[in-house]
Amino acid sequence: MSRFDFPGLLRVGVGLGLTPRDVWQLTPAELAFLLGRSGGDAPLGRARLEELAAAFPDKTKDV
């Protein structure tokens, strides 16, 4: 497990004009937005869901 750089996070937040309290209250999505990393991958679509269901079918017991 890698260590999270809490001091670095605090420096970035304060550098953006936030108080330390504001930094610790940020959600991961808000932090990503402030760091210019918003967007990310698109949500799972129906076609991809069907591909995954075919590749990993639910196993049922014979009753």
PDB file of N, CA and C in Angstrom:
ATOM      1  N   MET A   1       0.850  -1.173   0.000  1.00  0.00           N
ATOM      2  CA  MET A   1       0.000   0.000   0.000  1.00  0.00           C
ATOM      3  C   MET A   1       0.899   1.240   0.000  1.00  0.00           C
ATOM      4  N   SER A   2       0.600   2.181  -0.879  1.00  0.00           N
ATOM      5  CA  SER A   2       1.404   3.396  -0.932  1.00  0.00           C
ATOM      6  C   SER A   2       0.836   4.432   0.033  1.00  0.00           C
ATOM      7  N   ARG A   3       1.701   5.300   0.460  1.00  0.00           N
ATOM      8  CA  ARG A   3       1.276   6.352   1.391  1.00  0.00           C
ATOM      9  C   ARG A   3       0.698   7.519   0.614  1.00  0.00           C
ATOM     10  N   PHE A   4      -0.330   8.124   1.168  1.00  0.00           N
ATOM     11  CA  PHE A   4      -0.949   9.296   0.557  1.00  0.00           C
ATOM     12  C   PHE A   4      -0.202  10.535   1.024  1.00  0.00           C
ATOM     13  N   ASP A   5       0.045  11.449   0.125  1.00  0.00           N
ATOM     14  CA  ASP A   5       0.804  12.666   0.429  1.00  0.00           C
ATOM     15  C   ASP A   5      -0.120  13.741   1.008  1.00  0.00           C
ATOM     16  N   PHE A   6      -0.472  13.596   2.290  1.00  0.00           N
ATOM     17  CA  PHE A   6      -1.356  14.564   2.941  1.00  0.00           C
ATOM     18  C   PHE A   6      -0.741  15.962   2.996  1.00  0.00           C
ATOM     19  N   PRO A   7       0.560  16.094   3.336  1.00  0.00           N
ATOM     20  CA  PRO A   7       1.140  17.450   3.327  1.00  0.00           C
ATOM     21  C   PRO A   7       1.084  18.089   1.943  1.00  0.00           C
ATOM     22  N   GLY A   8       1.315  17.284   0.902  1.00  0.00           N
ATOM     23  CA  GLY A   8       1.242  17.813  -0.462  1.00  0.00           C
ATOM     24  C   GLY A   8      -0.168  18.266  -0.814  1.00  0.00           C
ATOM     25  N   LEU A   9      -1.154  17.487  -0.402  1.00  0.00           N
ATOM     26  CA  LEU A   9      -2.551  17.862  -0.631  1.00  0.00           C
ATOM     27  C   LEU A   9      -2.874  19.180   0.054  1.00  0.00           C
ATOM     28  N   LEU A  10      -2.420  19.332   1.275  1.00  0.00           N
ATOM     29  CA  LEU A  10      -2.674  20.562   2.016  1.00  0.00           C
ATOM     30  C   LEU A  10      -1.987  21.752   1.348  1.00  0.00           C
ATOM     31  N   ARG A  11      -0.743  21.563   0.875  1.00  0.00           N
ATOM     32  CA  ARG A  11      -0.031  22.656   0.178  1.00  0.00           C
ATOM     33  C   ARG A  11      -0.787  23.082  -1.074  1.00  0.00           C
ATOM     34  N   VAL A  12      -1.274  22.099  -1.843  1.00  0.00           N
ATOM     35  CA  VAL A  12      -2.018  22.423  -3.066  1.00  0.00           C
ATOM     36  C   VAL A  12      -3.301  23.172  -2.719  1.00  0.00           C
ATOM     37  N   GLY A  13      -4.031  22.678  -1.734  1.00  0.00           N
ATOM     38  CA  GLY A  13      -5.283  23.325  -1.348  1.00  0.00           C
ATOM     39  C   GLY A  13      -5.089  24.745  -0.875  1.00  0.00           C
ATOM     40  N   VAL A  14      -4.096  24.942  -0.029  1.00  0.00           N
ATOM     41  CA  VAL A  14      -3.816  26.291   0.478  1.00  0.00           C
ATOM     42  C   VAL A  14      -3.333  27.170  -0.667  1.00  0.00           C
ATOM     43  N   GLY A  15      -2.572  26.586  -1.585  1.00  0.00           N
ATOM     44  CA  GLY A  15      -2.125  27.328  -2.768  1.00  0.00           C
ATOM     45  C   GLY A  15      -3.284  27.777  -3.649  1.00  0.00           C
ATOM     46  N   LEU A  16      -4.389  27.035  -3.593  1.00  0.00           N
ATOM     47  CA  LEU A  16      -5.589  27.411  -4.349  1.00  0.00           C
ATOM     48  C   LEU A  16      -6.458  28.402  -3.585  1.00  0.00           C
ATOM     49  N   GLY A  17      -6.017  28.809  -2.391  1.00  0.00           N
ATOM     50  CA  GLY A  17      -6.758  29.791  -1.602  1.00  0.00           C
ATOM     51  C   GLY A  17      -7.739  29.183  -0.612  1.00  0.00           C
ATOM     52  N   LEU A  18      -7.640  27.882  -0.384  1.00  0.00           N
ATOM     53  CA  LEU A  18      -8.534  27.230   0.569  1.00  0.00           C
ATOM     54  C   LEU A  18      -7.908  27.219   1.955  1.00  0.00           C
ATOM     55  N   THR A  19      -8.744  27.188   2.950  1.00  0.00           N
ATOM     56  CA  THR A  19      -8.235  27.012   4.308  1.00  0.00           C
ATOM     57  C   THR A  19      -7.989  25.518   4.511  1.00  0.00           C
ATOM     58  N   PRO A  20      -7.146  25.149   5.478  1.00  0.00           N
ATOM     59  CA  PRO A  20      -6.953  23.724   5.745  1.00  0.00           C
ATOM     60  C   PRO A  20      -8.275  22.995   5.996  1.00  0.00           C
ATOM     61  N   ARG A  21      -9.183  23.637   6.708  1.00  0.00           N
ATOM     62  CA  ARG A  21     -10.487  23.017   6.978  1.00  0.00           C
ATOM     63  C   ARG A  21     -11.224  22.738   5.670  1.00  0.00           C
ATOM     64  N   ASP A  22     -11.184  23.694   4.741  1.00  0.00           N
ATOM     65  CA  ASP A  22     -11.839  23.501   3.444  1.00  0.00           C
ATOM     66  C   ASP A  22     -11.226  22.325   2.686  1.00  0.00           C
ATOM     67  N   VAL A  23      -9.909  22.202   2.753  1.00  0.00           N
ATOM     68  CA  VAL A  23      -9.221  21.111   2.052  1.00  0.00           C
ATOM     69  C   VAL A  23      -9.733  19.768   2.542  1.00  0.00           C
ATOM     70  N   TRP A  24      -9.829  19.598   3.847  1.00  0.00           N
ATOM     71  CA  TRP A  24     -10.229  18.302   4.412  1.00  0.00           C
ATOM     72  C   TRP A  24     -11.706  17.998   4.166  1.00  0.00           C
ATOM     73  N   GLN A  25     -12.489  19.008   3.823  1.00  0.00           N
ATOM     74  CA  GLN A  25     -13.913  18.785   3.558  1.00  0.00           C
ATOM     75  C   GLN A  25     -14.208  18.517   2.084  1.00  0.00           C
ATOM     76  N   LEU A  26     -13.193  18.576   1.229  1.00  0.00           N
ATOM     77  CA  LEU A  26     -13.400  18.317  -0.191  1.00  0.00           C
ATOM     78  C   LEU A  26     -13.744  16.854  -0.437  1.00  0.00           C
ATOM     79  N   THR A  27     -14.635  16.614  -1.380  1.00  0.00           N
ATOM     80  CA  THR A  27     -14.879  15.252  -1.839  1.00  0.00           C
ATOM     81  C   THR A  27     -13.811  14.919  -2.881  1.00  0.00           C
ATOM     82  N   PRO A  28     -13.585  13.639  -3.168  1.00  0.00           N
ATOM     83  CA  PRO A  28     -12.628  13.307  -4.224  1.00  0.00           C
ATOM     84  C   PRO A  28     -12.970  13.949  -5.568  1.00  0.00           C
ATOM     85  N   ALA A  29     -14.262  14.045  -5.891  1.00  0.00           N
ATOM     86  CA  ALA A  29     -14.668  14.677  -7.151  1.00  0.00           C
ATOM     87  C   ALA A  29     -14.326  16.163  -7.161  1.00  0.00           C
ATOM     88  N   GLU A  30     -14.548  16.845  -6.040  1.00  0.00           N
ATOM     89  CA  GLU A  30     -14.215  18.273  -5.954  1.00  0.00           C
ATOM     90  C   GLU A  30     -12.710  18.481  -6.059  1.00  0.00           C
ATOM     91  N   LEU A  31     -11.947  17.630  -5.415  1.00  0.00           N
ATOM     92  CA  LEU A  31     -10.494  17.731  -5.482  1.00  0.00           C
ATOM     93  C   LEU A  31     -10.012  17.525  -6.916  1.00  0.00           C
ATOM     94  N   ALA A  32     -10.545  16.512  -7.590  1.00  0.00           N
ATOM     95  CA  ALA A  32     -10.159  16.260  -8.982  1.00  0.00           C
ATOM     96  C   ALA A  32     -10.489  17.457  -9.866  1.00  0.00           C
ATOM     97  N   PHE A  33     -11.650  18.061  -9.643  1.00  0.00           N
ATOM     98  CA  PHE A  33     -12.044  19.242 -10.414  1.00  0.00           C
ATOM     99  C   PHE A  33     -11.061  20.389 -10.188  1.00  0.00           C
ATOM    100  N   LEU A  34     -10.721  20.646  -8.929  1.00  0.00           N
ATOM    101  CA  LEU A  34      -9.800  21.743  -8.617  1.00  0.00           C
ATOM    102  C   LEU A  34      -8.412  21.505  -9.202  1.00  0.00           C
ATOM    103  N   LEU A  35      -8.031  20.237  -9.332  1.00  0.00           N
ATOM    104  CA  LEU A  35      -6.725  19.899  -9.889  1.00  0.00           C
ATOM    105  C   LEU A  35      -6.751  19.776 -11.405  1.00  0.00           C
ATOM    106  N   GLY A  36      -7.933  20.042 -12.012  1.00  0.00           N
ATOM    107  CA  GLY A  36      -8.050  19.989 -13.461  1.00  0.00           C
ATOM    108  C   GLY A  36      -8.143  18.578 -14.000  1.00  0.00           C
ATOM    109  N   ARG A  37      -8.564  17.656 -13.172  1.00  0.00           N
ATOM    110  CA  ARG A  37      -8.638  16.256 -13.599  1.00  0.00           C
ATOM    111  C   ARG A  37     -10.069  15.758 -13.689  1.00  0.00           C
ATOM    112  N   SER A  38     -10.990  16.645 -13.963  1.00  0.00           N
ATOM    113  CA  SER A  38     -12.390  16.215 -14.052  1.00  0.00           C
ATOM    114  C   SER A  38     -12.626  15.521 -15.384  1.00  0.00           C
ATOM    115  N   GLY A  39     -13.733  14.889 -15.491  1.00  0.00           N
ATOM    116  CA  GLY A  39     -14.070  14.178 -16.720  1.00  0.00           C
ATOM    117  C   GLY A  39     -14.017  12.691 -16.484  1.00  0.00           C
ATOM    118  N   GLY A  40     -12.876  12.115 -16.711  1.00  0.00           N
ATOM    119  CA  GLY A  40     -12.711  10.691 -16.483  1.00  0.00           C
ATOM    120  C   GLY A  40     -13.413   9.854 -17.534  1.00  0.00           C
ATOM    121  N   ASP A  41     -13.532   8.604 -17.242  1.00  0.00           N
ATOM    122  CA  ASP A  41     -14.159   7.668 -18.155  1.00  0.00           C
ATOM    123  C   ASP A  41     -15.677   7.839 -18.145  1.00  0.00           C
ATOM    124  N   ALA A  42     -16.261   7.502 -19.276  1.00  0.00           N
ATOM    125  CA  ALA A  42     -17.718   7.548 -19.374  1.00  0.00           C
ATOM    126  C   ALA A  42     -18.310   6.416 -18.533  1.00  0.00           C
ATOM    127  N   PRO A  43     -19.519   6.588 -18.062  1.00  0.00           N
ATOM    128  CA  PRO A  43     -20.143   5.512 -17.295  1.00  0.00           C
ATOM    129  C   PRO A  43     -20.356   4.277 -18.169  1.00  0.00           C
ATOM    130  N   LEU A  44     -20.542   3.154 -17.515  1.00  0.00           N
ATOM    131  CA  LEU A  44     -20.761   1.891 -18.202  1.00  0.00           C
ATOM    132  C   LEU A  44     -22.050   1.952 -19.015  1.00  0.00           C
ATOM    133  N   GLY A  45     -21.940   1.677 -20.314  1.00  0.00           N
ATOM    134  CA  GLY A  45     -23.109   1.680 -21.185  1.00  0.00           C
ATOM    135  C   GLY A  45     -23.738   0.293 -21.281  1.00  0.00           C
ATOM    136  N   ARG A  46     -24.896   0.237 -21.888  1.00  0.00           N
ATOM    137  CA  ARG A  46     -25.636  -1.026 -22.007  1.00  0.00           C
ATOM    138  C   ARG A  46     -24.838  -2.075 -22.783  1.00  0.00           C
ATOM    139  N   ALA A  47     -24.207  -1.664 -23.886  1.00  0.00           N
ATOM    140  CA  ALA A  47     -23.450  -2.612 -24.710  1.00  0.00           C
ATOM    141  C   ALA A  47     -22.309  -3.244 -23.915  1.00  0.00           C
ATOM    142  N   ARG A  48     -21.598  -2.427 -23.163  1.00  0.00           N
ATOM    143  CA  ARG A  48     -20.488  -2.959 -22.367  1.00  0.00           C
ATOM    144  C   ARG A  48     -21.005  -3.863 -21.248  1.00  0.00           C
ATOM    145  N   LEU A  49     -22.130  -3.503 -20.657  1.00  0.00           N
ATOM    146  CA  LEU A  49     -22.738  -4.331 -19.624  1.00  0.00           C
ATOM    147  C   LEU A  49     -23.079  -5.708 -20.195  1.00  0.00           C
ATOM    148  N   GLU A  50     -23.640  -5.735 -21.395  1.00  0.00           N
ATOM    149  CA  GLU A  50     -23.979  -7.007 -22.024  1.00  0.00           C
ATOM    150  C   GLU A  50     -22.736  -7.822 -22.344  1.00  0.00           C
ATOM    151  N   GLU A  51     -21.654  -7.163 -22.767  1.00  0.00           N
ATOM    152  CA  GLU A  51     -20.390  -7.869 -23.012  1.00  0.00           C
ATOM    153  C   GLU A  51     -19.885  -8.524 -21.729  1.00  0.00           C
ATOM    154  N   LEU A  52     -19.927  -7.776 -20.647  1.00  0.00           N
ATOM    155  CA  LEU A  52     -19.462  -8.314 -19.367  1.00  0.00           C
ATOM    156  C   LEU A  52     -20.361  -9.448 -18.880  1.00  0.00           C
ATOM    157  N   ALA A  53     -21.682  -9.321 -19.071  1.00  0.00           N
ATOM    158  CA  ALA A  53     -22.610 -10.374 -18.659  1.00  0.00           C
ATOM    159  C   ALA A  53     -22.357 -11.657 -19.447  1.00  0.00           C
ATOM    160  N   ALA A  54     -22.026 -11.512 -20.731  1.00  0.00           N
ATOM    161  CA  ALA A  54     -21.732 -12.697 -21.540  1.00  0.00           C
ATOM    162  C   ALA A  54     -20.406 -13.323 -21.128  1.00  0.00           C
ATOM    163  N   ALA A  55     -19.434 -12.499 -20.806  1.00  0.00           N
ATOM    164  CA  ALA A  55     -18.121 -13.010 -20.422  1.00  0.00           C
ATOM    165  C   ALA A  55     -18.118 -13.607 -19.019  1.00  0.00           C
ATOM    166  N   PHE A  56     -18.962 -13.090 -18.141  1.00  0.00           N
ATOM    167  CA  PHE A  56     -19.006 -13.542 -16.750  1.00  0.00           C
ATOM    168  C   PHE A  56     -20.450 -13.803 -16.338  1.00  0.00           C
ATOM    169  N   PRO A  57     -21.047 -14.872 -16.862  1.00  0.00           N
ATOM    170  CA  PRO A  57     -22.455 -15.122 -16.552  1.00  0.00           C
ATOM    171  C   PRO A  57     -22.661 -15.476 -15.082  1.00  0.00           C
ATOM    172  N   ASP A  58     -23.838 -15.131 -14.577  1.00  0.00           N
ATOM    173  CA  ASP A  58     -24.195 -15.528 -13.225  1.00  0.00           C
ATOM    174  C   ASP A  58     -24.338 -17.038 -13.185  1.00  0.00           C
ATOM    175  N   LYS A  59     -23.843 -17.618 -12.139  1.00  0.00           N
ATOM    176  CA  LYS A  59     -23.986 -19.055 -11.976  1.00  0.00           C
ATOM    177  C   LYS A  59     -25.149 -19.308 -11.036  1.00  0.00           C
ATOM    178  N   THR A  60     -26.043 -20.183 -11.455  1.00  0.00           N
ATOM    179  CA  THR A  60     -27.187 -20.516 -10.611  1.00  0.00           C
ATOM    180  C   THR A  60     -27.114 -21.979 -10.224  1.00  0.00           C
ATOM    181  N   LYS A  61     -27.638 -22.271  -9.045  1.00  0.00           N
ATOM    182  CA  LYS A  61     -27.705 -23.655  -8.581  1.00  0.00           C
ATOM    183  C   LYS A  61     -28.885 -24.345  -9.230  1.00  0.00           C
ATOM    184  N   ASP A  62     -28.706 -25.615  -9.508  1.00  0.00           N
ATOM    185  CA  ASP A  62     -29.867 -26.404  -9.935  1.00  0.00           C
ATOM    186  C   ASP A  62     -30.674 -26.721  -8.695  1.00  0.00           C
ATOM    187  N   VAL A  63     -31.949 -26.392  -8.748  1.00  0.00           N
ATOM    188  CA  VAL A  63     -32.803 -26.604  -7.578  1.00  0.00           C
ATOM    189  C   VAL A  63     -33.474 -27.951  -7.631  1.00  0.00           C
TER     190      VAL A  63
END
